[in-house]
PDB file of N, CA and C in Angstrom:
ATOM      1  N   UNK A   1       3.974  -1.001   5.827  1.00  0.00           N
ATOM      2  CA  UNK A   1       4.408  -0.163   6.934  1.00  0.00           C
ATOM      3  C   UNK A   1       5.625   0.640   6.480  1.00  0.00           C
ATOM      4  N   UNK A   2       5.568   1.940   6.708  1.00  0.00           N
ATOM      5  CA  UNK A   2       6.643   2.787   6.215  1.00  0.00           C
ATOM      6  C   UNK A   2       7.727   3.022   7.263  1.00  0.00           C
ATOM      7  N   UNK A   3       8.909   3.380   6.774  1.00  0.00           N
ATOM      8  CA  UNK A   3      10.055   3.681   7.634  1.00  0.00           C
ATOM      9  C   UNK A   3       9.746   4.925   8.454  1.00  0.00           C
ATOM     10  N   UNK A   4      10.302   4.981   9.634  1.00  0.00           N
ATOM     11  CA  UNK A   4      10.065   6.104  10.532  1.00  0.00           C
ATOM     12  C   UNK A   4      11.122   7.192  10.361  1.00  0.00           C
ATOM     13  N   UNK A   5      10.743   8.414  10.725  1.00  0.00           N
ATOM     14  CA  UNK A   5      11.702   9.509  10.769  1.00  0.00           C
ATOM     15  C   UNK A   5      12.593   9.300  12.006  1.00  0.00           C
ATOM     16  N   UNK A   6      13.651  10.068  12.090  1.00  0.00           N
ATOM     17  CA  UNK A   6      14.559   9.956  13.242  1.00  0.00           C
ATOM     18  C   UNK A   6      13.834  10.248  14.552  1.00  0.00           C
ATOM     19  N   UNK A   7      12.995  11.287  14.581  1.00  0.00           N
ATOM     20  CA  UNK A   7      12.258  11.627  15.812  1.00  0.00           C
ATOM     21  C   UNK A   7      11.236  10.552  16.145  1.00  0.00           C
ATOM     22  N   UNK A   8      10.577   9.990  15.129  1.00  0.00           N
ATOM     23  CA  UNK A   8       9.617   8.913  15.374  1.00  0.00           C
ATOM     24  C   UNK A   8      10.329   7.697  15.953  1.00  0.00           C
ATOM     25  N   UNK A   9      11.516   7.391  15.428  1.00  0.00           N
ATOM     26  CA  UNK A   9      12.294   6.271  15.984  1.00  0.00           C
ATOM     27  C   UNK A   9      12.670   6.551  17.433  1.00  0.00           C
ATOM     28  N   UNK A  10      13.013   7.785  17.721  1.00  0.00           N
ATOM     29  CA  UNK A  10      13.371   8.169  19.093  1.00  0.00           C
ATOM     30  C   UNK A  10      12.185   7.940  20.041  1.00  0.00           C
ATOM     31  N   UNK A  11      10.996   8.329  19.620  1.00  0.00           N
ATOM     32  CA  UNK A  11       9.808   8.128  20.446  1.00  0.00           C
ATOM     33  C   UNK A  11       9.523   6.636  20.595  1.00  0.00           C
ATOM     34  N   UNK A  12       9.683   5.882  19.511  1.00  0.00           N
ATOM     35  CA  UNK A  12       9.470   4.432  19.596  1.00  0.00           C
ATOM     36  C   UNK A  12      10.451   3.793  20.567  1.00  0.00           C
ATOM     37  N   UNK A  13      11.700   4.232  20.563  1.00  0.00           N
ATOM     38  CA  UNK A  13      12.697   3.689  21.500  1.00  0.00           C
ATOM     39  C   UNK A  13      12.217   3.879  22.940  1.00  0.00           C
ATOM     40  N   UNK A  14      11.695   5.049  23.232  1.00  0.00           N
ATOM     41  CA  UNK A  14      11.180   5.333  24.580  1.00  0.00           C
ATOM     42  C   UNK A  14       9.993   4.426  24.890  1.00  0.00           C
ATOM     43  N   UNK A  15       9.078   4.309  23.955  1.00  0.00           N
ATOM     44  CA  UNK A  15       7.879   3.502  24.197  1.00  0.00           C
ATOM     45  C   UNK A  15       8.229   2.014  24.300  1.00  0.00           C
ATOM     46  N   UNK A  16       9.180   1.536  23.502  1.00  0.00           N
ATOM     47  CA  UNK A  16       9.614   0.138  23.632  1.00  0.00           C
ATOM     48  C   UNK A  16      10.194  -0.105  25.017  1.00  0.00           C
ATOM     49  N   UNK A  17      10.952   0.865  25.507  1.00  0.00           N
ATOM     50  CA  UNK A  17      11.556   0.714  26.832  1.00  0.00           C
ATOM     51  C   UNK A  17      10.488   0.752  27.929  1.00  0.00           C
ATOM     52  N   UNK A  18       9.520   1.658  27.787  1.00  0.00           N
ATOM     53  CA  UNK A  18       8.464   1.803  28.798  1.00  0.00           C
ATOM     54  C   UNK A  18       7.411   0.695  28.691  1.00  0.00           C
ATOM     55  N   UNK A  19       7.257   0.121  27.507  1.00  0.00           N
ATOM     56  CA  UNK A  19       6.253  -0.884  27.174  1.00  0.00           C
ATOM     57  C   UNK A  19       4.858  -0.292  26.997  1.00  0.00           C
ATOM     58  N   UNK A  20       4.514   0.711  27.757  1.00  0.00           N
ATOM     59  CA  UNK A  20       3.264   1.463  27.592  1.00  0.00           C
ATOM     60  C   UNK A  20       3.401   2.737  28.399  1.00  0.00           C
ATOM     61  N   UNK A  21       2.674   3.760  28.002  1.00  0.00           N
ATOM     62  CA  UNK A  21       2.771   4.986  28.773  1.00  0.00           C
ATOM     63  C   UNK A  21       1.976   6.120  28.172  1.00  0.00           C
ATOM     64  N   UNK A  22       1.844   7.147  28.968  1.00  0.00           N
ATOM     65  CA  UNK A  22       1.161   8.376  28.574  1.00  0.00           C
ATOM     66  C   UNK A  22       2.201   9.351  28.039  1.00  0.00           C
ATOM     67  N   UNK A  23       1.749  10.283  27.207  1.00  0.00           N
ATOM     68  CA  UNK A  23       2.673  11.281  26.655  1.00  0.00           C
ATOM     69  C   UNK A  23       3.407  12.001  27.774  1.00  0.00           C
ATOM     70  N   UNK A  24       2.682  12.346  28.851  1.00  0.00           N
ATOM     71  CA  UNK A  24       3.309  13.080  29.974  1.00  0.00           C
ATOM     72  C   UNK A  24       4.452  12.280  30.605  1.00  0.00           C
ATOM     73  N   UNK A  25       4.390  10.942  30.511  1.00  0.00           N
ATOM     74  CA  UNK A  25       5.462  10.107  31.051  1.00  0.00           C
ATOM     75  C   UNK A  25       6.625   9.959  30.065  1.00  0.00           C
ATOM     76  N   UNK A  26       6.344  10.162  28.795  1.00  0.00           N
ATOM     77  CA  UNK A  26       7.390  10.052  27.770  1.00  0.00           C
ATOM     78  C   UNK A  26       8.252  11.308  27.710  1.00  0.00           C
ATOM     79  N   UNK A  27       7.626  12.469  27.878  1.00  0.00           N
ATOM     80  CA  UNK A  27       8.317  13.754  27.701  1.00  0.00           C
ATOM     81  C   UNK A  27       9.619  13.846  28.496  1.00  0.00           C
ATOM     82  N   UNK A  28       9.669  13.463  29.780  1.00  0.00           N
ATOM     83  CA  UNK A  28      10.928  13.591  30.535  1.00  0.00           C
ATOM     84  C   UNK A  28      12.070  12.695  30.001  1.00  0.00           C
ATOM     85  N   UNK A  29      11.742  11.726  29.177  1.00  0.00           N
ATOM     86  CA  UNK A  29      12.762  10.829  28.627  1.00  0.00           C
ATOM     87  C   UNK A  29      13.623  11.515  27.560  1.00  0.00           C
ATOM     88  N   UNK A  30      13.144  12.619  27.026  1.00  0.00           N
ATOM     89  CA  UNK A  30      13.848  13.332  25.959  1.00  0.00           C
ATOM     90  C   UNK A  30      14.602  14.515  26.560  1.00  0.00           C
ATOM     91  N   UNK A  31      15.895  14.319  26.743  1.00  0.00           N
ATOM     92  CA  UNK A  31      16.693  15.357  27.391  1.00  0.00           C
ATOM     93  C   UNK A  31      17.709  16.006  26.465  1.00  0.00           C
ATOM     94  N   UNK A  32      18.060  15.339  25.377  1.00  0.00           N
ATOM     95  CA  UNK A  32      19.116  15.868  24.513  1.00  0.00           C
ATOM     96  C   UNK A  32      18.739  15.756  23.054  1.00  0.00           C
ATOM     97  N   UNK A  33      18.030  16.656  22.479  1.00  0.00           N
ATOM     98  CA  UNK A  33      17.443  17.848  23.091  1.00  0.00           C
ATOM     99  C   UNK A  33      16.096  17.517  23.730  1.00  0.00           C
ATOM    100  N   UNK A  34      15.654  18.334  24.659  1.00  0.00           N
ATOM    101  CA  UNK A  34      14.339  18.110  25.257  1.00  0.00           C
ATOM    102  C   UNK A  34      13.244  18.334  24.210  1.00  0.00           C
ATOM    103  N   UNK A  35      12.168  17.585  24.329  1.00  0.00           N
ATOM    104  CA  UNK A  35      11.038  17.753  23.422  1.00  0.00           C
ATOM    105  C   UNK A  35       9.843  18.259  24.219  1.00  0.00           C
ATOM    106  N   UNK A  36       9.099  19.158  23.636  1.00  0.00           N
ATOM    107  CA  UNK A  36       7.911  19.726  24.251  1.00  0.00           C
ATOM    108  C   UNK A  36       6.779  18.695  24.213  1.00  0.00           C
ATOM    109  N   UNK A  37       5.870  18.789  25.150  1.00  0.00           N
ATOM    110  CA  UNK A  37       4.729  17.886  25.244  1.00  0.00           C
ATOM    111  C   UNK A  37       3.974  17.808  23.913  1.00  0.00           C
ATOM    112  N   UNK A  38       3.697  18.967  23.301  1.00  0.00           N
ATOM    113  CA  UNK A  38       2.940  18.987  22.045  1.00  0.00           C
ATOM    114  C   UNK A  38       3.679  18.277  20.921  1.00  0.00           C
ATOM    115  N   UNK A  39       4.994  18.380  20.907  1.00  0.00           N
ATOM    116  CA  UNK A  39       5.803  17.709  19.891  1.00  0.00           C
ATOM    117  C   UNK A  39       5.681  16.202  20.047  1.00  0.00           C
ATOM    118  N   UNK A  40       5.852  15.719  21.268  1.00  0.00           N
ATOM    119  CA  UNK A  40       5.751  14.272  21.525  1.00  0.00           C
ATOM    120  C   UNK A  40       4.343  13.792  21.197  1.00  0.00           C
ATOM    121  N   UNK A  41       3.331  14.561  21.575  1.00  0.00           N
ATOM    122  CA  UNK A  41       1.955  14.197  21.306  1.00  0.00           C
ATOM    123  C   UNK A  41       1.694  14.076  19.799  1.00  0.00           C
ATOM    124  N   UNK A  42       2.212  15.007  19.031  1.00  0.00           N
ATOM    125  CA  UNK A  42       2.052  14.967  17.567  1.00  0.00           C
ATOM    126  C   UNK A  42       2.748  13.748  16.982  1.00  0.00           C
ATOM    127  N   UNK A  43       3.957  13.477  17.430  1.00  0.00           N
ATOM    128  CA  UNK A  43       4.702  12.315  16.930  1.00  0.00           C
ATOM    129  C   UNK A  43       3.968  11.028  17.274  1.00  0.00           C
ATOM    130  N   UNK A  44       3.449  10.947  18.488  1.00  0.00           N
ATOM    131  CA  UNK A  44       2.706   9.760  18.920  1.00  0.00           C
ATOM    132  C   UNK A  44       1.483   9.547  18.033  1.00  0.00           C
ATOM    133  N   UNK A  45       0.765  10.614  17.736  1.00  0.00           N
ATOM    134  CA  UNK A  45      -0.413  10.481  16.853  1.00  0.00           C
ATOM    135  C   UNK A  45      -0.001  10.023  15.457  1.00  0.00           C
ATOM    136  N   UNK A  46       1.125  10.541  14.958  1.00  0.00           N
ATOM    137  CA  UNK A  46       1.628  10.106  13.648  1.00  0.00           C
ATOM    138  C   UNK A  46       1.990   8.620  13.670  1.00  0.00           C
ATOM    139  N   UNK A  47       2.615   8.185  14.759  1.00  0.00           N
ATOM    140  CA  UNK A  47       2.985   6.770  14.886  1.00  0.00           C
ATOM    141  C   UNK A  47       1.740   5.885  14.925  1.00  0.00           C
ATOM    142  N   UNK A  48       0.703   6.385  15.558  1.00  0.00           N
ATOM    143  CA  UNK A  48      -0.545   5.621  15.613  1.00  0.00           C
ATOM    144  C   UNK A  48      -1.175   5.530  14.219  1.00  0.00           C
ATOM    145  N   UNK A  49      -1.158   6.632  13.484  1.00  0.00           N
ATOM    146  CA  UNK A  49      -1.695   6.628  12.117  1.00  0.00           C
ATOM    147  C   UNK A  49      -0.919   5.681  11.212  1.00  0.00           C
ATOM    148  N   UNK A  50       0.383   5.561  11.451  1.00  0.00           N
ATOM    149  CA  UNK A  50       1.225   4.679  10.633  1.00  0.00           C
ATOM    150  C   UNK A  50       1.103   3.211  11.050  1.00  0.00           C
ATOM    151  N   UNK A  51       0.427   2.956  12.180  1.00  0.00           N
ATOM    152  CA  UNK A  51       0.211   1.587  12.613  1.00  0.00           C
ATOM    153  C   UNK A  51       1.287   1.008  13.513  1.00  0.00           C
ATOM    154  N   UNK A  52       2.119   1.876  14.088  1.00  0.00           N
ATOM    155  CA  UNK A  52       3.195   1.409  14.958  1.00  0.00           C
ATOM    156  C   UNK A  52       2.765   1.288  16.416  1.00  0.00           C
ATOM    157  N   UNK A  53       1.815   2.121  16.818  1.00  0.00           N
ATOM    158  CA  UNK A  53       1.361   2.083  18.206  1.00  0.00           C
ATOM    159  C   UNK A  53      -0.168   2.115  18.260  1.00  0.00           C
ATOM    160  N   UNK A  54      -0.677   1.681  19.403  1.00  0.00           N
ATOM    161  CA  UNK A  54      -2.106   1.734  19.668  1.00  0.00           C
ATOM    162  C   UNK A  54      -2.318   2.450  20.984  1.00  0.00           C
ATOM    163  N   UNK A  55      -3.567   2.583  21.389  1.00  0.00           N
ATOM    164  CA  UNK A  55      -3.829   3.235  22.676  1.00  0.00           C
ATOM    165  C   UNK A  55      -5.065   2.653  23.337  1.00  0.00           C
ATOM    166  N   UNK A  56      -5.079   2.843  24.644  1.00  0.00           N
ATOM    167  CA  UNK A  56      -6.259   2.564  25.457  1.00  0.00           C
ATOM    168  C   UNK A  56      -6.748   3.928  25.934  1.00  0.00           C
ATOM    169  N   UNK A  57      -8.028   4.188  25.772  1.00  0.00           N
ATOM    170  CA  UNK A  57      -8.587   5.479  26.175  1.00  0.00           C
ATOM    171  C   UNK A  57      -9.171   5.391  27.581  1.00  0.00           C
ATOM    172  N   UNK A  58      -8.843   6.393  28.385  1.00  0.00           N
ATOM    173  CA  UNK A  58      -9.403   6.561  29.724  1.00  0.00           C
ATOM    174  C   UNK A  58      -9.962   7.976  29.757  1.00  0.00           C
ATOM    175  N   UNK A  59     -11.205   8.119  29.303  1.00  0.00           N
ATOM    176  CA  UNK A  59     -11.770   9.456  29.151  1.00  0.00           C
ATOM    177  C   UNK A  59     -11.041  10.175  28.023  1.00  0.00           C
ATOM    178  N   UNK A  60     -10.506  11.357  28.334  1.00  0.00           N
ATOM    179  CA  UNK A  60      -9.754  12.121  27.335  1.00  0.00           C
ATOM    180  C   UNK A  60      -8.274  11.771  27.317  1.00  0.00           C
ATOM    181  N   UNK A  61      -7.853  10.870  28.175  1.00  0.00           N
ATOM    182  CA  UNK A  61      -6.451  10.501  28.294  1.00  0.00           C
ATOM    183  C   UNK A  61      -6.202   9.193  27.552  1.00  0.00           C
ATOM    184  N   UNK A  62      -5.051   9.132  26.883  1.00  0.00           N
ATOM    185  CA  UNK A  62      -4.699   7.920  26.140  1.00  0.00           C
ATOM    186  C   UNK A  62      -3.392   7.332  26.664  1.00  0.00           C
ATOM    187  N   UNK A  63      -3.421   6.030  26.889  1.00  0.00           N
ATOM    188  CA  UNK A  63      -2.207   5.298  27.255  1.00  0.00           C
ATOM    189  C   UNK A  63      -1.766   4.555  25.997  1.00  0.00           C
ATOM    190  N   UNK A  64      -0.544   4.808  25.569  1.00  0.00           N
ATOM    191  CA  UNK A  64      -0.045   4.262  24.312  1.00  0.00           C
ATOM    192  C   UNK A  64       0.820   3.027  24.545  1.00  0.00           C
ATOM    193  N   UNK A  65       0.841   2.152  23.547  1.00  0.00           N
ATOM    194  CA  UNK A  65       1.654   0.931  23.605  1.00  0.00           C
ATOM    195  C   UNK A  65       2.103   0.586  22.188  1.00  0.00           C
ATOM    196  N   UNK A  66       3.281  -0.030  22.059  1.00  0.00           N
ATOM    197  CA  UNK A  66       3.772  -0.403  20.734  1.00  0.00           C
ATOM    198  C   UNK A  66       2.963  -1.568  20.164  1.00  0.00           C
ATOM    199  N   UNK A  67       2.701  -1.523  18.875  1.00  0.00           N
ATOM    200  CA  UNK A  67       2.064  -2.639  18.176  1.00  0.00           C
ATOM    201  C   UNK A  67       3.142  -3.513  17.530  1.00  0.00           C
ATOM    202  N   UNK A  68       4.189  -2.871  17.043  1.00  0.00           N
ATOM    203  CA  UNK A  68       5.292  -3.597  16.420  1.00  0.00           C
ATOM    204  C   UNK A  68       6.429  -3.679  17.437  1.00  0.00           C
ATOM    205  N   UNK A  69       7.060  -4.831  17.525  1.00  0.00           N
ATOM    206  CA  UNK A  69       8.174  -4.994  18.458  1.00  0.00           C
ATOM    207  C   UNK A  69       9.431  -4.328  17.905  1.00  0.00           C
ATOM    208  N   UNK A  70      10.334  -4.039  18.799  1.00  0.00           N
ATOM    209  CA  UNK A  70      11.610  -3.454  18.401  1.00  0.00           C
ATOM    210  C   UNK A  70      12.337  -4.388  17.440  1.00  0.00           C
ATOM    211  N   UNK A  71      12.299  -5.679  17.729  1.00  0.00           N
ATOM    212  CA  UNK A  71      12.977  -6.666  16.894  1.00  0.00           C
ATOM    213  C   UNK A  71      12.369  -6.713  15.493  1.00  0.00           C
ATOM    214  N   UNK A  72      11.053  -6.651  15.412  1.00  0.00           N
ATOM    215  CA  UNK A  72      10.400  -6.671  14.104  1.00  0.00           C
ATOM    216  C   UNK A  72      10.787  -5.434  13.301  1.00  0.00           C
ATOM    217  N   UNK A  73      10.855  -4.289  13.953  1.00  0.00           N
ATOM    218  CA  UNK A  73      11.254  -3.058  13.268  1.00  0.00           C
ATOM    219  C   UNK A  73      12.705  -3.163  12.797  1.00  0.00           C
ATOM    220  N   UNK A  74      13.570  -3.654  13.673  1.00  0.00           N
ATOM    221  CA  UNK A  74      14.978  -3.808  13.304  1.00  0.00           C
ATOM    222  C   UNK A  74      15.118  -4.721  12.089  1.00  0.00           C
ATOM    223  N   UNK A  75      14.420  -5.833  12.118  1.00  0.00           N
ATOM    224  CA  UNK A  75      14.506  -6.782  11.012  1.00  0.00           C
ATOM    225  C   UNK A  75      13.991  -6.176   9.715  1.00  0.00           C
ATOM    226  N   UNK A  76      12.908  -5.446   9.803  1.00  0.00           N
ATOM    227  CA  UNK A  76      12.267  -4.925   8.601  1.00  0.00           C
ATOM    228  C   UNK A  76      13.015  -3.744   8.005  1.00  0.00           C
ATOM    229  N   UNK A  77      13.516  -2.842   8.839  1.00  0.00           N
ATOM    230  CA  UNK A  77      14.072  -1.603   8.311  1.00  0.00           C
ATOM    231  C   UNK A  77      15.548  -1.393   8.595  1.00  0.00           C
ATOM    232  N   UNK A  78      15.941  -1.519   9.840  1.00  0.00           N
ATOM    233  CA  UNK A  78      17.291  -1.133  10.225  1.00  0.00           C
ATOM    234  C   UNK A  78      18.327  -2.070   9.622  1.00  0.00           C
ATOM    235  N   UNK A  79      18.215  -3.336   9.931  1.00  0.00           N
ATOM    236  CA  UNK A  79      19.220  -4.279   9.459  1.00  0.00           C
ATOM    237  C   UNK A  79      19.208  -4.398   7.943  1.00  0.00           C
ATOM    238  N   UNK A  80      18.034  -4.417   7.353  1.00  0.00           N
ATOM    239  CA  UNK A  80      17.931  -4.514   5.900  1.00  0.00           C
ATOM    240  C   UNK A  80      18.613  -3.328   5.234  1.00  0.00           C
ATOM    241  N   UNK A  81      18.414  -2.133   5.790  1.00  0.00           N
ATOM    242  CA  UNK A  81      19.032  -0.930   5.227  1.00  0.00           C
ATOM    243  C   UNK A  81      20.555  -0.995   5.349  1.00  0.00           C
ATOM    244  N   UNK A  82      21.046  -1.350   6.517  1.00  0.00           N
ATOM    245  CA  UNK A  82      22.496  -1.413   6.738  1.00  0.00           C
ATOM    246  C   UNK A  82      23.135  -2.452   5.822  1.00  0.00           C
ATOM    247  N   UNK A  83      22.556  -3.633   5.777  1.00  0.00           N
ATOM    248  CA  UNK A  83      23.113  -4.698   4.937  1.00  0.00           C
ATOM    249  C   UNK A  83      23.057  -4.294   3.468  1.00  0.00           C
ATOM    250  N   UNK A  84      21.959  -3.681   3.063  1.00  0.00           N
ATOM    251  CA  UNK A  84      21.816  -3.268   1.667  1.00  0.00           C
ATOM    252  C   UNK A  84      22.769  -2.158   1.279  1.00  0.00           C
ATOM    253  N   UNK A  85      22.868  -1.133   2.109  1.00  0.00           N
ATOM    254  CA  UNK A  85      23.660   0.043   1.759  1.00  0.00           C
ATOM    255  C   UNK A  85      25.158  -0.120   1.997  1.00  0.00           C
ATOM    256  N   UNK A  86      25.534  -0.925   2.976  1.00  0.00           N
ATOM    257  CA  UNK A  86      26.944  -0.997   3.337  1.00  0.00           C
ATOM    258  C   UNK A  86      27.604  -2.349   3.072  1.00  0.00           C
ATOM    259  N   UNK A  87      26.819  -3.387   2.859  1.00  0.00           N
ATOM    260  CA  UNK A  87      27.392  -4.728   2.713  1.00  0.00           C
ATOM    261  C   UNK A  87      26.873  -5.461   1.481  1.00  0.00           C
ATOM    262  N   UNK A  88      26.475  -4.694   0.447  1.00  0.00           N
ATOM    263  CA  UNK A  88      26.050  -5.266  -0.839  1.00  0.00           C
ATOM    264  C   UNK A  88      24.971  -6.338  -0.686  1.00  0.00           C
ATOM    265  N   UNK A  89      24.028  -6.102   0.212  1.00  0.00           N
ATOM    266  CA  UNK A  89      22.921  -7.049   0.462  1.00  0.00           C
ATOM    267  C   UNK A  89      23.401  -8.436   0.881  1.00  0.00           C
ATOM    268  N   UNK A  90      24.554  -8.494   1.527  1.00  0.00           N
ATOM    269  CA  UNK A  90      25.130  -9.777   1.929  1.00  0.00           C
ATOM    270  C   UNK A  90      25.353  -9.816   3.439  1.00  0.00           C
ATOM    271  N   UNK A  91      24.627 -10.725   4.103  1.00  0.00           N
ATOM    272  CA  UNK A  91      24.849 -10.908   5.540  1.00  0.00           C
ATOM    273  C   UNK A  91      26.221 -11.523   5.794  1.00  0.00           C
ATOM    274  N   UNK A  92      26.701 -12.286   4.839  1.00  0.00           N
ATOM    275  CA  UNK A  92      28.055 -12.855   4.935  1.00  0.00           C
ATOM    276  C   UNK A  92      29.075 -11.718   5.010  1.00  0.00           C
ATOM    277  N   UNK A  93      28.929 -10.695   4.166  1.00  0.00           N
ATOM    278  CA  UNK A  93      29.837  -9.544   4.214  1.00  0.00           C
ATOM    279  C   UNK A  93      29.737  -8.816   5.551  1.00  0.00           C
ATOM    280  N   UNK A  94      28.539  -8.733   6.093  1.00  0.00           N
ATOM    281  CA  UNK A  94      28.334  -8.099   7.397  1.00  0.00           C
ATOM    282  C   UNK A  94      29.103  -8.844   8.487  1.00  0.00           C
ATOM    283  N   UNK A  95      28.928 -10.162   8.527  1.00  0.00           N
ATOM    284  CA  UNK A  95      29.585 -10.966   9.560  1.00  0.00           C
ATOM    285  C   UNK A  95      31.103 -10.932   9.377  1.00  0.00           C
ATOM    286  N   UNK A  96      31.566 -11.010   8.129  1.00  0.00           N
ATOM    287  CA  UNK A  96      33.019 -10.989   7.909  1.00  0.00           C
ATOM    288  C   UNK A  96      33.607  -9.632   8.298  1.00  0.00           C
ATOM    289  N   UNK A  97      32.838  -8.557   8.108  1.00  0.00           N
ATOM    290  CA  UNK A  97      33.292  -7.240   8.544  1.00  0.00           C
ATOM    291  C   UNK A  97      33.551  -7.246  10.050  1.00  0.00           C
ATOM    292  N   UNK A  98      32.593  -7.788  10.823  1.00  0.00           N
ATOM    293  CA  UNK A  98      32.761  -7.833  12.268  1.00  0.00           C
ATOM    294  C   UNK A  98      33.924  -8.732  12.667  1.00  0.00           C
ATOM    295  N   UNK A  99      34.106  -9.821  11.964  1.00  0.00           N
ATOM    296  CA  UNK A  99      35.208 -10.731  12.270  1.00  0.00           C
ATOM    297  C   UNK A  99      36.552 -10.058  11.972  1.00  0.00           C
ATOM    298  N   UNK A 100      36.664  -9.412  10.820  1.00  0.00           N
ATOM    299  CA  UNK A 100      37.919  -8.754  10.429  1.00  0.00           C
ATOM    300  C   UNK A 100      38.284  -7.618  11.382  1.00  0.00           C
ATOM    301  N   UNK A 101      37.285  -6.940  11.886  1.00  0.00           N
ATOM    302  CA  UNK A 101      37.530  -5.808  12.773  1.00  0.00           C
ATOM    303  C   UNK A 101      37.489  -6.198  14.244  1.00  0.00           C
ATOM    304  N   UNK A 102      37.543  -7.495  14.486  1.00  0.00           N
ATOM    305  CA  UNK A 102      37.588  -8.054  15.834  1.00  0.00           C
ATOM    306  C   UNK A 102      36.437  -7.566  16.715  1.00  0.00           C
ATOM    307  N   UNK A 103      35.258  -7.436  16.111  1.00  0.00           N
ATOM    308  CA  UNK A 103      34.067  -7.054  16.854  1.00  0.00           C
ATOM    309  C   UNK A 103      33.278  -8.293  17.285  1.00  0.00           C
ATOM    310  N   UNK A 104      33.693  -9.452  16.753  1.00  0.00           N
ATOM    311  CA  UNK A 104      33.044 -10.715  17.101  1.00  0.00           C
ATOM    312  C   UNK A 104      34.135 -11.772  17.229  1.00  0.00           C
ATOM    313  N   UNK A 105      34.029 -12.611  18.229  1.00  0.00           N
ATOM    314  CA  UNK A 105      35.058 -13.631  18.465  1.00  0.00           C
ATOM    315  C   UNK A 105      34.705 -14.929  17.742  1.00  0.00           C
ATOM    316  N   UNK A 106      35.693 -15.811  17.641  1.00  0.00           N
ATOM    317  CA  UNK A 106      35.473 -17.124  17.028  1.00  0.00           C
ATOM    318  C   UNK A 106      34.434 -17.911  17.826  1.00  0.00           C
ATOM    319  N   UNK A 107      34.464 -17.788  19.149  1.00  0.00           N
ATOM    320  CA  UNK A 107      33.476 -18.476  19.982  1.00  0.00           C
ATOM    321  C   UNK A 107      32.064 -17.966  19.688  1.00  0.00           C
ATOM    322  N   UNK A 108      31.923 -16.659  19.533  1.00  0.00           N
ATOM    323  CA  UNK A 108      30.609 -16.101  19.213  1.00  0.00           C
ATOM    324  C   UNK A 108      30.138 -16.579  17.839  1.00  0.00           C
ATOM    325  N   UNK A 109      31.055 -16.654  16.893  1.00  0.00           N
ATOM    326  CA  UNK A 109      30.697 -17.164  15.560  1.00  0.00           C
ATOM    327  C   UNK A 109      30.250 -18.618  15.640  1.00  0.00           C
ATOM    328  N   UNK A 110      30.929 -19.420  16.456  1.00  0.00           N
ATOM    329  CA  UNK A 110      30.519 -20.823  16.633  1.00  0.00           C
ATOM    330  C   UNK A 110      29.124 -20.909  17.249  1.00  0.00           C
ATOM    331  N   UNK A 111      28.840 -20.031  18.204  1.00  0.00           N
ATOM    332  CA  UNK A 111      27.501 -19.994  18.818  1.00  0.00           C
ATOM    333  C   UNK A 111      26.442 -19.658  17.769  1.00  0.00           C
ATOM    334  N   UNK A 112      26.753 -18.702  16.906  1.00  0.00           N
ATOM    335  CA  UNK A 112      25.824 -18.329  15.838  1.00  0.00           C
ATOM    336  C   UNK A 112      25.598 -19.502  14.900  1.00  0.00           C
ATOM    337  N   UNK A 113      26.676 -20.181  14.533  1.00  0.00           N
ATOM    338  CA  UNK A 113      26.552 -21.355  13.661  1.00  0.00           C
ATOM    339  C   UNK A 113      25.695 -22.442  14.309  1.00  0.00           C
ATOM    340  N   UNK A 114      25.889 -22.637  15.592  1.00  0.00           N
ATOM    341  CA  UNK A 114      25.088 -23.646  16.304  1.00  0.00           C
ATOM    342  C   UNK A 114      23.612 -23.264  16.289  1.00  0.00           C
ATOM    343  N   UNK A 115      23.316 -21.974  16.462  1.00  0.00           N
ATOM    344  CA  UNK A 115      21.911 -21.529  16.416  1.00  0.00           C
ATOM    345  C   UNK A 115      21.324 -21.764  15.025  1.00  0.00           C
ATOM    346  N   UNK A 116      22.104 -21.483  14.005  1.00  0.00           N
ATOM    347  CA  UNK A 116      21.633 -21.670  12.622  1.00  0.00           C
ATOM    348  C   UNK A 116      21.379 -23.149  12.351  1.00  0.00           C
ATOM    349  N   UNK A 117      22.286 -23.982  12.785  1.00  0.00           N
ATOM    350  CA  UNK A 117      22.144 -25.424  12.541  1.00  0.00           C
ATOM    351  C   UNK A 117      20.960 -26.024  13.306  1.00  0.00           C
ATOM    352  N   UNK A 118      20.623 -25.473  14.460  1.00  0.00           N
ATOM    353  CA  UNK A 118      19.482 -25.972  15.227  1.00  0.00           C
ATOM    354  C   UNK A 118      18.179 -25.617  14.578  1.00  0.00           C
ATOM    355  N   UNK A 119      18.127 -24.552  13.816  1.00  0.00           N
ATOM    356  CA  UNK A 119      16.902 -24.158  13.124  1.00  0.00           C
ATOM    357  C   UNK A 119      16.732 -25.092  11.982  1.00  0.00           C
TER     358      UNK A 119
END
């Protein structure tokens, strides 16, 4: 499965939020900048070809739904890229960055440790 373009990710974000929907229902979600119906339709077809979404056909109308979850995409591409490019492929460096910059508290770190130990 290949990485998505920025616009494809934007469409996936909308579809993940909607859980399923028609192109006509997705179009109003894009306001900054607005996207034309044909643009969204083309992106949706590309996402389907890449294996990210599927559809149910109702005559000539298609209702689309995500095949890959947001979490699976994040794990596969987003987090891996960030950790690789900015934290030398080290999740430890990632967590220490958040701790040093006070983006995560000691209590939150203890909760994370407890989750790790339970696995």
